[in-house]
Amino acid sequence: MSLLRWRAWTWLIGCLLFLSVGAGAQMESQTWEEEFHDYGELGIQVMTRGNIHNVQQILEDPTVKIFILQVPFEEFDLQAMPALIDWVRQGHALWFYDARYAPYLGMKAYALSAKQFRGKPHVGKLGDRKYNGLACGVLTFSKHPTVTGVGQCTVFLPLLGEDYYSAVAVEGDTEPLLQFAADSPALAALRRVGKGVIIFKPLLWPDSLSGKRFQNNLLDYSAGFGVPGFGGEGRYGEAIGEQAPEVPERNPHYLQPGQTPPPPVRPQLEGGAQNSAAPTPKSAPAPTSEDGRYVYAKSLKDGSTPSAPPPASEPPQRKVDLEESAQFSPALQEAARTPQVSSQPQLTNPPAPAPPASEASAPAAGVDTIYLHNGEIYQGRCNTKSFQLETTSESAEFSPADLTKLTLSRESWGLDKAQTKDGRQLSGYLLTQEIHFLTSDGRQYTWKPEAVREIIFNRP
């Protein structure tokens, strides 16, 4: 073979290898999504108030693998619980969202207080009922296969009673999946029961952070398919199903129908905010125990149980449905959700009105620019004393002089973003409740963060 022909073959083989490697890398980046099973293969049955009387019919349906309980606790017939647990033991999955069911399913309810975590007010839909609640960010510290490829999620915690947000205590054979911190109560958890599994979880936004991966992991695992590896390779997790080996339960205790439920675990909050399931702002140091760890819940002193949740009212800032309402109810997928924003500023001692700028001119040094969602632009000086931003790793507090830009999300699942003068870029939830702004012509405005799109700080 001549030298020229040998070089030509070498070049051709090299090109083919390069193309095959590139195609393989592209295929691998898409594999984990392609490895999940279609909705129709999962055997999902959602129970709401509309089919609340069909429990026995559902349990006798051989095509149902996953029973998703979205009925308000106070409306569900608890006499069905023993049959549900036996059905799970045979190799099926039960999902529930309201921690008040936990004692009947071998878990211990934990009543989170709003003083323990940071979140944005939101109205969410669980089943066919709306709830006031909070949207917040959570993390995973677990090594369970269901959190493969999962780091953070944005979840919705409905208000179930007076200062009661659902969580479960991490004890016994309850495996935590999502938490605020490594030693906090669980916002999502599971426990194996015979050949099946019981899963407690919150509503979540699939398109935010690792939400889609976590949701798909749980669905495939619950249906007995296992969980795809980090890049889509292989299947992981113990088997679920009628042919799976039976897993012994560790000291299970199931509350029987008719028995008085024990009070949920609650934090002992003294002085309004002693304990924290998330880092607290710098101005309020996190309380710790003697060994320096965060202090979490003790038992509730009185024997009261949470009352029925208050009816949900529409907040002015947003109206968006969540995970299951979109994923498990195909008819809702086509429904448009129009955010409702109250963008009118509140004037303090308003002078004669003057129109806002139609476009922002280049500000002089010391002049800030604020952009509203309704299209208005104002220049002047932001005189909000400080901005508190809760991220997944810290509680940051900034003065306007520390920032160059603040971008606020209009949606509950989105994150607010801050750029600082020292070059940091942070994402999280803005906790500041009001933004004060003095315009160049001497008018003082006060806006809610939901009305503001962006603030450009121009401080010397």
Protein backbone atom coordinates (compact mmCIF):
# COMPACT_ATOMS: atom_id res chain seq x y z
CA MET A 1 0.00 0.00 0.00
CA SER A 2 1.41 3.39 -0.96
CA LEU A 3 2.08 6.00 1.66
CA LEU A 4 -0.57 8.28 0.15
CA ARG A 5 -3.26 5.58 0.24
CA TRP A 6 -2.30 4.68 3.83
CA ARG A 7 -2.69 8.32 4.89
CA ALA A 8 -6.09 8.52 3.17
CA TRP A 9 -7.36 5.42 5.00
CA THR A 10 -6.02 6.73 8.28
CA TRP A 11 -7.80 10.05 7.80
CA LEU A 12 -11.09 8.33 6.88
CA ILE A 13 -10.98 6.01 9.90
CA GLY A 14 -10.20 8.94 12.18
CA CYS A 15 -13.20 10.88 10.86
CA LEU A 16 -15.52 7.91 11.39
CA LEU A 17 -14.27 7.43 14.94
CA PHE A 18 -14.78 11.13 15.70
CA LEU A 19 -18.32 11.08 14.35
CA SER A 20 -19.21 7.90 16.25
CA VAL A 21 -17.90 9.33 19.53
CA GLY A 22 -19.84 12.57 19.02
CA ALA A 23 -23.02 10.69 18.21
CA GLY A 24 -22.50 8.47 21.24
CA ALA A 25 -22.06 11.48 23.54
CA GLN A 26 -25.20 13.09 22.15
CA MET A 27 -27.12 9.84 22.59
CA GLU A 28 -25.89 9.46 26.16
CA SER A 29 -27.05 13.00 27.06
CA GLN A 30 -30.58 12.07 25.95
CA THR A 31 -30.63 8.51 27.27
CA TRP A 32 -31.83 9.04 30.82
CA GLU A 33 -35.08 10.64 29.62
CA GLU A 34 -35.61 8.02 26.92
CA GLU A 35 -35.16 5.20 29.45
CA PHE A 36 -38.27 6.09 31.43
CA HIS A 37 -41.52 4.32 30.68
CA ASP A 38 -44.57 5.94 29.14
CA TYR A 39 -47.53 6.94 31.28
CA GLY A 40 -49.66 4.11 29.93
CA GLU A 41 -47.15 1.49 31.07
CA LEU A 42 -47.03 2.62 34.68
CA GLY A 43 -50.50 1.57 35.85
CA ILE A 44 -51.32 4.86 37.63
CA GLN A 45 -54.64 5.49 39.36
CA VAL A 46 -55.23 8.87 41.01
CA MET A 47 -57.92 9.08 43.68
CA THR A 48 -59.58 12.46 44.30
CA ARG A 49 -62.95 13.37 45.77
CA GLY A 50 -64.48 12.50 42.39
CA ASN A 51 -63.81 8.75 42.73
CA ILE A 52 -63.48 8.51 46.51
CA HIS A 53 -65.93 5.61 46.76
CA ASN A 54 -64.06 3.37 44.30
CA VAL A 55 -61.30 2.10 46.59
CA GLN A 56 -62.22 -1.58 46.42
CA GLN A 57 -62.79 -1.43 42.68
CA ILE A 58 -59.35 0.11 42.17
CA LEU A 59 -57.61 -2.45 44.39
CA GLU A 60 -59.19 -5.28 42.40
CA ASP A 61 -58.05 -3.85 39.05
CA PRO A 62 -55.02 -5.92 37.91
CA THR A 63 -53.74 -3.07 35.72
CA VAL A 64 -53.23 -0.67 38.66
CA LYS A 65 -49.68 -0.59 40.04
CA ILE A 66 -49.57 2.87 41.63
CA PHE A 67 -52.38 4.23 43.82
CA ILE A 68 -52.04 8.02 44.22
CA LEU A 69 -54.09 9.29 47.16
CA GLN A 70 -55.05 12.95 46.73
CA VAL A 71 -58.22 13.01 48.84
CA PRO A 72 -58.32 15.49 51.75
CA PHE A 73 -57.63 13.57 54.95
CA GLU A 74 -60.85 14.65 56.65
CA GLU A 75 -62.94 13.28 53.75
CA PHE A 76 -61.33 9.85 53.25
CA ASP A 77 -62.85 6.72 54.79
CA LEU A 78 -60.02 5.44 56.99
CA GLN A 79 -61.73 2.04 57.21
CA ALA A 80 -60.11 1.37 53.81
CA MET A 81 -56.56 1.72 55.17
CA PRO A 82 -55.99 -1.95 56.17
CA ALA A 83 -57.05 -3.10 52.70
CA LEU A 84 -54.75 -0.53 51.11
CA ILE A 85 -51.77 -1.72 53.16
CA ASP A 86 -52.46 -5.37 52.29
CA TRP A 87 -52.62 -4.38 48.62
CA VAL A 88 -49.23 -2.68 48.93
CA ARG A 89 -47.73 -5.77 50.58
CA GLN A 90 -48.69 -7.79 47.52
CA GLY A 91 -46.31 -5.73 45.37
CA HIS A 92 -47.91 -2.35 44.66
CA ALA A 93 -47.16 1.31 45.42
CA LEU A 94 -49.17 3.86 47.41
CA TRP A 95 -48.37 7.57 47.21
CA PHE A 96 -49.76 10.11 49.68
CA TYR A 97 -49.20 13.85 50.19
CA ASP A 98 -50.98 14.74 53.44
CA ALA A 99 -48.87 13.85 56.50
CA ARG A 100 -52.03 13.27 58.54
CA TYR A 101 -52.29 9.88 56.81
CA ALA A 102 -48.80 8.92 58.02
CA PRO A 103 -49.73 7.16 61.33
CA TYR A 104 -52.06 4.82 59.41
CA LEU A 105 -49.22 3.94 56.99
CA GLY A 106 -46.41 3.19 59.42
CA MET A 107 -44.84 6.65 59.47
CA LYS A 108 -44.88 9.50 61.99
CA ALA A 109 -46.36 12.84 60.93
CA TYR A 110 -44.27 15.97 61.41
CA ALA A 111 -46.05 19.33 61.43
CA LEU A 112 -43.61 21.81 59.93
CA SER A 113 -43.99 25.40 61.04
CA ALA A 114 -43.57 28.25 58.58
CA LYS A 115 -40.93 29.56 60.98
CA GLN A 116 -38.74 26.58 60.10
CA PHE A 117 -38.23 27.21 56.40
CA ARG A 118 -38.33 29.91 53.74
CA GLY A 119 -40.82 29.90 50.88
CA LYS A 120 -42.95 31.92 48.51
CA PRO A 121 -46.72 32.07 49.01
CA HIS A 122 -48.55 30.05 46.37
CA VAL A 123 -51.96 28.52 45.71
CA GLY A 124 -51.61 24.92 44.53
CA LYS A 125 -54.07 22.25 43.52
CA LEU A 126 -53.88 18.84 45.17
CA GLY A 127 -56.41 16.53 43.59
CA ASP A 128 -59.48 18.66 42.96
CA ARG A 129 -58.95 21.06 45.85
CA LYS A 130 -56.99 24.30 46.08
CA TYR A 131 -54.72 25.03 49.02
CA ASN A 132 -52.81 28.02 50.25
CA GLY A 133 -49.22 27.08 50.85
CA LEU A 134 -45.56 27.81 50.24
CA ALA A 135 -43.19 27.00 47.39
CA CYS A 136 -39.66 26.22 48.53
CA GLY A 137 -36.42 24.57 47.52
CA VAL A 138 -35.32 21.22 49.00
CA LEU A 139 -32.26 18.96 48.70
CA THR A 140 -31.46 15.27 48.71
CA PHE A 141 -28.97 13.74 51.10
CA SER A 142 -30.04 10.15 50.48
CA LYS A 143 -28.25 7.35 48.62
CA HIS A 144 -31.49 5.61 47.70
CA PRO A 145 -31.80 4.74 43.98
CA THR A 146 -34.88 6.96 43.61
CA VAL A 147 -32.69 10.06 43.97
CA THR A 148 -30.25 9.02 41.22
CA GLY A 149 -29.40 12.16 39.25
CA VAL A 150 -31.34 14.37 41.70
CA GLY A 151 -29.82 17.31 43.55
CA GLN A 152 -32.48 19.93 44.26
CA CYS A 153 -36.22 20.26 43.67
CA THR A 154 -38.80 23.01 43.99
CA VAL A 155 -41.83 21.77 45.89
CA PHE A 156 -45.20 23.03 47.10
CA LEU A 157 -46.22 22.53 50.74
CA PRO A 158 -49.96 23.06 51.29
CA LEU A 159 -51.20 24.61 54.52
CA LEU A 160 -53.13 21.80 56.25
CA GLY A 161 -54.03 23.50 59.51
CA GLU A 162 -52.86 26.27 61.78
CA ASP A 163 -49.18 26.65 60.84
CA TYR A 164 -49.08 23.00 59.69
CA TYR A 165 -47.11 22.01 56.57
CA SER A 166 -46.67 18.31 55.76
CA ALA A 167 -43.51 16.36 56.57
CA VAL A 168 -42.68 13.03 58.20
CA ALA A 169 -40.19 12.19 60.92
CA VAL A 170 -37.07 10.27 59.94
CA GLU A 171 -37.18 7.20 62.14
CA GLY A 172 -37.64 3.43 61.97
CA ASP A 173 -37.65 2.15 58.38
CA THR A 174 -38.67 5.54 56.90
CA GLU A 175 -36.09 6.43 54.25
CA PRO A 176 -35.80 10.23 53.68
CA LEU A 177 -35.55 11.36 50.07
CA LEU A 178 -35.94 15.17 50.13
CA GLN A 179 -35.04 17.40 53.10
CA PHE A 180 -34.08 20.96 54.00
CA ALA A 181 -30.93 19.73 55.75
CA ALA A 182 -29.33 16.39 56.54
CA ASP A 183 -30.95 16.29 59.99
CA SER A 184 -34.32 17.83 59.12
CA PRO A 185 -37.66 16.04 58.80
CA ALA A 186 -38.40 14.54 55.39
CA LEU A 187 -40.42 16.35 52.73
CA ALA A 188 -40.37 13.15 50.68
CA ALA A 189 -39.77 9.67 52.06
CA LEU A 190 -40.54 6.01 51.47
CA ARG A 191 -40.77 2.75 53.36
CA ARG A 192 -40.86 -0.76 51.98
CA VAL A 193 -43.90 -2.82 52.93
CA GLY A 194 -43.75 -6.49 51.97
CA LYS A 195 -43.27 -6.63 48.19
CA GLY A 196 -44.42 -3.04 47.71
CA VAL A 197 -43.66 0.52 48.79
CA ILE A 198 -45.40 3.48 50.47
CA ILE A 199 -44.19 6.90 49.32
CA PHE A 200 -44.84 10.26 51.00
CA LYS A 201 -44.06 13.22 48.77
CA PRO A 202 -44.96 16.84 48.06
CA LEU A 203 -46.23 18.29 44.84
CA LEU A 204 -43.29 19.52 42.76
CA TRP A 205 -42.49 21.43 39.59
CA PRO A 206 -40.96 19.00 37.05
CA ASP A 207 -39.30 21.74 34.98
CA SER A 208 -37.49 23.29 37.93
CA LEU A 209 -34.08 21.94 38.98
CA SER A 210 -34.16 18.11 39.24
CA GLY A 211 -37.93 17.84 39.51
CA LYS A 212 -38.51 15.87 36.31
CA ARG A 213 -35.80 13.35 37.11
CA PHE A 214 -37.09 12.79 40.64
CA GLN A 215 -40.69 12.40 39.50
CA ASN A 216 -39.76 9.91 36.77
CA ASN A 217 -37.49 7.98 39.14
CA LEU A 218 -40.35 7.53 41.60
CA LEU A 219 -42.81 6.48 38.90
CA ASP A 220 -40.57 3.82 37.33
CA TYR A 221 -39.47 2.54 40.74
CA SER A 222 -43.06 2.33 41.99
CA ALA A 223 -44.17 0.46 38.87
CA GLY A 224 -41.44 -2.16 39.37
CA PHE A 225 -39.09 -1.08 36.58
CA GLY A 226 -36.21 0.15 38.74
CA VAL A 227 -34.42 3.46 38.17
CA PRO A 228 -32.15 4.27 35.19
CA GLY A 229 -28.53 5.07 36.07
CA PHE A 230 -27.16 8.59 36.14
CA GLY A 231 -26.62 8.66 32.36
CA GLY A 232 -29.47 6.24 31.58
CA GLU A 233 -27.35 3.10 31.83
CA GLY A 234 -28.65 0.03 33.65
CA ARG A 235 -31.43 -0.25 36.20
CA TYR A 236 -31.04 0.22 39.93
CA GLY A 237 -33.13 -0.29 43.03
CA GLU A 238 -34.71 -3.28 44.70
CA ALA A 239 -37.60 -4.93 42.89
CA ILE A 240 -41.20 -3.89 43.48
CA GLY A 241 -43.98 -6.21 42.34
CA GLU A 242 -45.78 -9.50 42.86
CA GLN A 243 -42.65 -11.50 41.96
CA ALA A 244 -40.35 -9.43 44.18
CA PRO A 245 -38.92 -10.85 47.40
CA GLU A 246 -40.77 -9.74 50.51
CA VAL A 247 -38.96 -7.13 52.62
CA PRO A 248 -39.43 -7.52 56.38
CA GLU A 249 -40.68 -4.40 58.15
CA ARG A 250 -38.78 -3.05 61.12
CA ASN A 251 -41.09 -2.62 64.12
CA PRO A 252 -44.04 -1.28 62.13
CA HIS A 253 -46.91 0.40 63.94
CA TYR A 254 -50.09 1.12 62.03
CA LEU A 255 -52.80 3.21 63.61
CA GLN A 256 -56.11 1.39 63.18
CA PRO A 257 -59.29 3.09 61.95
CA GLY A 258 -61.23 4.49 64.89
CA GLN A 259 -58.13 5.01 67.03
CA THR A 260 -57.28 8.55 68.04
CA PRO A 261 -54.31 9.73 65.97
CA PRO A 262 -51.30 10.80 67.99
CA PRO A 263 -50.33 14.46 67.76
CA PRO A 264 -47.85 15.14 64.98
CA VAL A 265 -44.29 15.88 65.92
CA ARG A 266 -43.92 19.63 66.23
CA PRO A 267 -40.93 21.87 66.88
CA GLN A 268 -40.75 23.68 70.21
CA LEU A 269 -40.68 27.26 68.99
CA GLU A 270 -39.98 29.69 71.78
CA GLY A 271 -40.02 33.39 71.15
CA GLY A 272 -41.51 32.88 67.71
CA ALA A 273 -38.62 31.26 65.82
CA GLN A 274 -36.32 29.06 67.80
CA ASN A 275 -35.82 26.15 65.47
CA SER A 276 -34.95 26.20 61.83
CA ALA A 277 -35.04 23.56 59.14
CA ALA A 278 -33.19 25.91 56.84
CA PRO A 279 -30.40 28.41 57.48
CA THR A 280 -31.61 31.65 59.05
CA PRO A 281 -30.59 35.17 57.99
CA LYS A 282 -27.42 36.62 59.44
CA SER A 283 -29.46 38.98 61.58
CA ALA A 284 -31.08 36.00 63.33
CA PRO A 285 -28.43 33.40 64.23
CA ALA A 286 -29.60 29.82 63.91
CA PRO A 287 -30.39 28.23 67.26
CA THR A 288 -28.29 25.19 68.01
CA SER A 289 -28.09 22.47 70.59
CA GLU A 290 -25.09 21.94 72.84
CA ASP A 291 -23.19 20.06 70.14
CA GLY A 292 -23.76 22.83 67.61
CA ARG A 293 -26.38 21.07 65.48
CA TYR A 294 -29.74 22.48 64.43
CA VAL A 295 -32.47 21.75 66.94
CA TYR A 296 -35.47 19.94 65.48
CA ALA A 297 -38.83 18.85 66.78
CA LYS A 298 -39.93 17.55 70.13
CA SER A 299 -43.36 16.06 70.76
CA LEU A 300 -46.36 18.36 70.86
CA LYS A 301 -47.24 19.10 74.45
CA ASP A 302 -51.00 19.11 74.07
CA GLY A 303 -53.09 16.45 72.39
CA SER A 304 -54.64 18.63 69.73
CA THR A 305 -54.83 17.51 66.14
CA PRO A 306 -54.77 19.80 63.10
CA SER A 307 -58.07 21.12 61.95
CA ALA A 308 -59.22 21.02 58.34
CA PRO A 309 -57.23 23.39 56.14
CA PRO A 310 -58.68 26.83 55.50
CA PRO A 311 -60.19 27.37 52.04
CA ALA A 312 -57.65 28.60 49.55
CA SER A 313 -57.84 32.19 48.41
CA GLU A 314 -56.21 33.46 45.25
CA PRO A 315 -53.09 35.49 45.97
CA PRO A 316 -52.62 38.40 43.61
CA GLN A 317 -49.21 37.32 42.39
CA ARG A 318 -49.58 33.92 40.70
CA LYS A 319 -51.83 31.04 39.76
CA VAL A 320 -50.12 27.96 38.37
CA ASP A 321 -50.93 24.28 38.71
CA LEU A 322 -48.31 21.75 39.74
CA GLU A 323 -46.86 18.38 38.90
CA GLU A 324 -49.70 15.89 39.25
CA SER A 325 -52.48 18.14 38.01
CA ALA A 326 -50.57 18.53 34.75
CA GLN A 327 -49.02 15.08 34.50
CA PHE A 328 -51.84 12.84 35.72
CA SER A 329 -54.78 14.79 34.27
CA PRO A 330 -54.23 15.08 30.50
CA ALA A 331 -57.20 17.43 30.11
CA LEU A 332 -55.41 20.03 32.21
CA GLN A 333 -52.29 19.97 30.05
CA GLU A 334 -53.99 22.18 27.48
CA ALA A 335 -55.33 24.69 30.00
CA ALA A 336 -53.53 27.99 29.78
CA ARG A 337 -52.39 29.48 33.07
CA THR A 338 -52.24 33.27 33.02
CA PRO A 339 -50.22 34.74 35.90
CA GLN A 340 -52.14 37.42 37.75
CA VAL A 341 -49.85 40.17 38.88
CA SER A 342 -50.74 43.12 41.02
CA SER A 343 -48.30 45.63 39.63
CA GLN A 344 -49.77 48.91 40.79
CA PRO A 345 -47.32 50.58 43.19
CA GLN A 346 -48.45 51.89 46.53
CA LEU A 347 -47.69 55.58 46.81
CA THR A 348 -46.56 57.09 50.10
CA ASN A 349 -47.67 60.76 50.23
CA PRO A 350 -48.07 60.89 46.44
CA PRO A 351 -47.44 64.21 44.71
CA ALA A 352 -49.00 65.17 41.41
CA PRO A 353 -48.71 62.18 39.05
CA ALA A 354 -45.98 62.12 36.46
CA PRO A 355 -45.64 59.47 33.76
CA PRO A 356 -42.88 56.87 34.15
CA ALA A 357 -40.05 56.73 31.67
CA SER A 358 -40.95 54.90 28.46
CA GLU A 359 -37.36 53.72 28.20
CA ALA A 360 -34.45 53.86 30.55
CA SER A 361 -31.82 56.43 29.72
CA ALA A 362 -28.24 55.89 30.85
CA PRO A 363 -28.36 56.75 34.56
CA ALA A 364 -25.85 58.95 36.27
CA ALA A 365 -23.72 57.56 39.07
CA GLY A 366 -25.86 56.76 42.09
CA VAL A 367 -29.08 56.45 40.06
CA ASP A 368 -30.83 53.06 40.15
CA THR A 369 -33.30 51.78 37.55
CA ILE A 370 -36.30 49.58 38.35
CA TYR A 371 -38.30 47.64 35.72
CA LEU A 372 -41.86 46.51 36.50
CA HIS A 373 -43.72 43.59 34.95
CA ASN A 374 -46.35 45.97 33.57
CA GLY A 375 -43.67 47.63 31.41
CA GLU A 376 -43.10 50.75 33.50
CA ILE A 377 -39.56 51.92 34.22
CA TYR A 378 -38.46 54.27 36.99
CA GLN A 379 -35.11 55.85 37.79
CA GLY A 380 -34.02 57.14 41.15
CA ARG A 381 -32.73 55.43 44.24
CA CYS A 382 -33.74 52.11 45.77
CA ASN A 383 -33.90 52.82 49.49
CA THR A 384 -34.83 49.33 50.67
CA LYS A 385 -32.48 48.83 53.60
CA SER A 386 -31.52 45.24 52.77
CA PHE A 387 -32.40 42.31 50.53
CA GLN A 388 -32.50 38.79 51.98
CA LEU A 389 -31.94 35.95 49.52
CA GLU A 390 -32.37 32.35 50.65
CA THR A 391 -30.30 29.93 48.55
CA THR A 392 -29.86 26.20 49.01
CA SER A 393 -26.51 26.76 50.71
CA GLU A 394 -26.79 30.05 52.58
CA SER A 395 -28.98 32.87 53.78
CA ALA A 396 -27.50 35.96 52.19
CA GLU A 397 -28.28 39.56 53.09
CA PHE A 398 -27.25 42.49 50.88
CA SER A 399 -27.59 46.25 50.92
CA PRO A 400 -28.28 48.00 47.60
CA ALA A 401 -24.63 49.09 47.60
CA ASP A 402 -23.57 45.40 47.47
CA LEU A 403 -25.54 44.62 44.32
CA THR A 404 -25.31 45.38 40.62
CA LYS A 405 -28.52 43.63 39.51
CA LEU A 406 -31.51 41.85 41.06
CA THR A 407 -33.81 39.82 38.80
CA LEU A 408 -37.09 38.58 40.30
CA SER A 409 -39.02 35.59 39.03
CA ARG A 410 -42.70 36.01 38.31
CA GLU A 411 -43.48 32.34 38.84
CA SER A 412 -43.40 30.24 42.01
CA TRP A 413 -41.13 27.61 40.47
CA GLY A 414 -38.59 30.16 39.24
CA LEU A 415 -35.65 31.40 41.25
CA ASP A 416 -34.71 34.99 41.96
CA LYS A 417 -31.18 35.99 40.92
CA ALA A 418 -28.71 38.46 42.38
CA GLN A 419 -25.43 39.75 40.97
CA THR A 420 -23.04 41.31 43.44
CA LYS A 421 -20.26 43.83 43.00
CA ASP A 422 -17.66 41.22 43.87
CA GLY A 423 -18.75 39.08 40.91
CA ARG A 424 -20.95 36.49 42.62
CA GLN A 425 -24.13 35.25 40.94
CA LEU A 426 -26.68 33.75 43.36
CA SER A 427 -30.05 32.09 42.81
CA GLY A 428 -32.71 31.51 45.44
CA TYR A 429 -35.85 32.99 46.99
CA LEU A 430 -36.08 36.67 47.86
CA LEU A 431 -37.50 37.00 51.36
CA THR A 432 -37.80 40.80 51.36
CA GLN A 433 -41.51 41.66 51.43
CA GLU A 434 -41.46 45.24 50.12
CA ILE A 435 -39.25 47.24 47.77
CA HIS A 436 -39.03 50.99 48.41
CA PHE A 437 -37.97 53.34 45.65
CA LEU A 438 -37.51 57.12 45.53
CA THR A 439 -37.74 58.48 41.99
CA SER A 440 -35.59 61.28 40.65
CA ASP A 441 -38.54 63.70 40.87
CA GLY A 442 -39.09 62.97 44.57
CA ARG A 443 -41.92 60.42 44.48
CA GLN A 444 -41.77 57.54 46.96
CA TYR A 445 -43.09 54.15 45.76
CA THR A 446 -43.54 50.84 47.54
CA TRP A 447 -43.91 47.65 45.47
CA LYS A 448 -44.40 44.03 46.33
CA PRO A 449 -41.61 41.88 44.82
CA GLU A 450 -44.16 40.19 42.53
CA ALA A 451 -44.61 43.48 40.66
CA VAL A 452 -40.88 43.99 40.00
CA ARG A 453 -39.00 42.36 37.13
CA GLU A 454 -35.50 43.75 37.62
CA ILE A 455 -33.50 46.36 39.50
CA ILE A 456 -30.21 47.72 38.14
CA PHE A 457 -28.08 49.26 40.89
CA ASN A 458 -25.63 51.97 39.90
CA ARG A 459 -23.85 52.85 43.11
CA PRO A 460 -20.36 54.33 43.14
